Amino acid sequence: MGIVRFALRWPYTFYVLALLILFLGVTAFRSMPADILPEIDIPVVTVIWQYTGLSTPEMEQRARPTANTR
């Protein structure tokens, strides 16, 4: 109840505090760096597997079971 009495007794103090909070919020928002697409390092593994003379479906059959097992 003490803050209510204080706000009723000195309302301009709370107006100034509200404006200060608003001003600091806008200032903080404007100073934040806005990066729409941040740079993210995604781990990537590349496997190069060559079998000369192997057709594409045969290569797929050989590579699928190895890739799906964890």
Protein backbone atom coordinates (compact mmCIF):
# COMPACT_ATOMS: atom_id res chain seq x y z
CA MET A 1 0.00 0.00 0.00
CA GLY A 2 3.00 2.28 0.52
CA ILE A 3 3.77 2.57 -3.20
CA VAL A 4 0.14 3.49 -3.95
CA ARG A 5 0.19 6.29 -1.40
CA PHE A 6 3.55 7.47 -2.74
CA ALA A 7 2.19 7.44 -6.32
CA LEU A 8 -0.92 9.36 -5.27
CA ARG A 9 1.09 11.90 -3.32
CA TRP A 10 3.73 12.51 -6.04
CA PRO A 11 2.25 11.43 -9.39
CA TYR A 12 4.80 13.36 -11.45
CA THR A 13 7.56 11.13 -10.09
CA PHE A 14 5.89 8.11 -11.66
CA TYR A 15 5.30 9.99 -14.93
CA VAL A 16 8.99 10.79 -15.11
CA LEU A 17 9.93 7.19 -14.23
CA ALA A 18 7.60 5.85 -16.94
CA LEU A 19 9.10 8.24 -19.50
CA LEU A 20 12.61 7.28 -18.39
CA ILE A 21 11.85 3.58 -18.78
CA LEU A 22 10.31 4.24 -22.20
CA PHE A 23 13.30 6.32 -23.31
CA LEU A 24 15.83 3.75 -22.09
CA GLY A 25 13.88 0.92 -23.76
CA VAL A 26 13.78 2.70 -27.10
CA THR A 27 17.47 3.59 -26.81
CA ALA A 28 18.39 -0.01 -25.99
CA PHE A 29 16.25 -1.30 -28.86
CA ARG A 30 17.86 1.06 -31.37
CA SER A 31 21.40 0.23 -30.23
CA MET A 32 20.90 -3.54 -30.54
CA PRO A 33 22.51 -5.08 -33.60
CA ALA A 34 19.82 -6.53 -35.86
CA ASP A 35 21.05 -9.45 -37.90
CA ILE A 36 18.31 -11.02 -39.97
CA LEU A 37 20.46 -13.94 -41.11
CA PRO A 38 23.11 -14.61 -38.47
CA GLU A 39 26.21 -16.53 -39.47
CA ILE A 40 25.92 -20.07 -38.15
CA ASP A 41 28.60 -22.73 -38.46
CA ILE A 42 26.77 -25.96 -39.28
CA PRO A 43 28.90 -29.09 -39.17
CA VAL A 44 28.99 -30.78 -42.56
CA VAL A 45 30.46 -34.14 -43.49
CA THR A 46 31.21 -34.91 -47.11
CA VAL A 47 31.84 -38.48 -48.24
CA ILE A 48 33.29 -39.11 -51.67
CA TRP A 49 32.92 -42.70 -52.70
CA GLN A 50 34.00 -43.85 -56.13
CA TYR A 51 33.35 -47.21 -57.69
CA THR A 52 34.14 -47.21 -61.38
CA GLY A 53 31.74 -49.21 -63.47
CA LEU A 54 28.98 -49.25 -60.81
CA SER A 55 25.52 -48.10 -61.87
CA THR A 56 23.60 -45.53 -59.87
CA PRO A 57 21.02 -47.94 -58.33
CA GLU A 58 23.78 -50.35 -57.29
CA MET A 59 25.71 -47.51 -55.71
CA GLU A 60 22.60 -46.41 -53.84
CA GLN A 61 22.05 -49.93 -52.49
CA ARG A 62 25.64 -50.07 -51.24
CA ALA A 63 25.63 -46.63 -49.66
CA ARG A 64 22.16 -46.60 -48.02
CA PRO A 65 22.68 -49.23 -45.31
CA THR A 66 25.91 -47.57 -44.23
CA ALA A 67 24.35 -44.09 -44.05
CA ASN A 68 21.27 -45.19 -42.10
CA THR A 69 23.04 -47.10 -39.32
CA ARG A 70 23.95 -45.10 -36.25
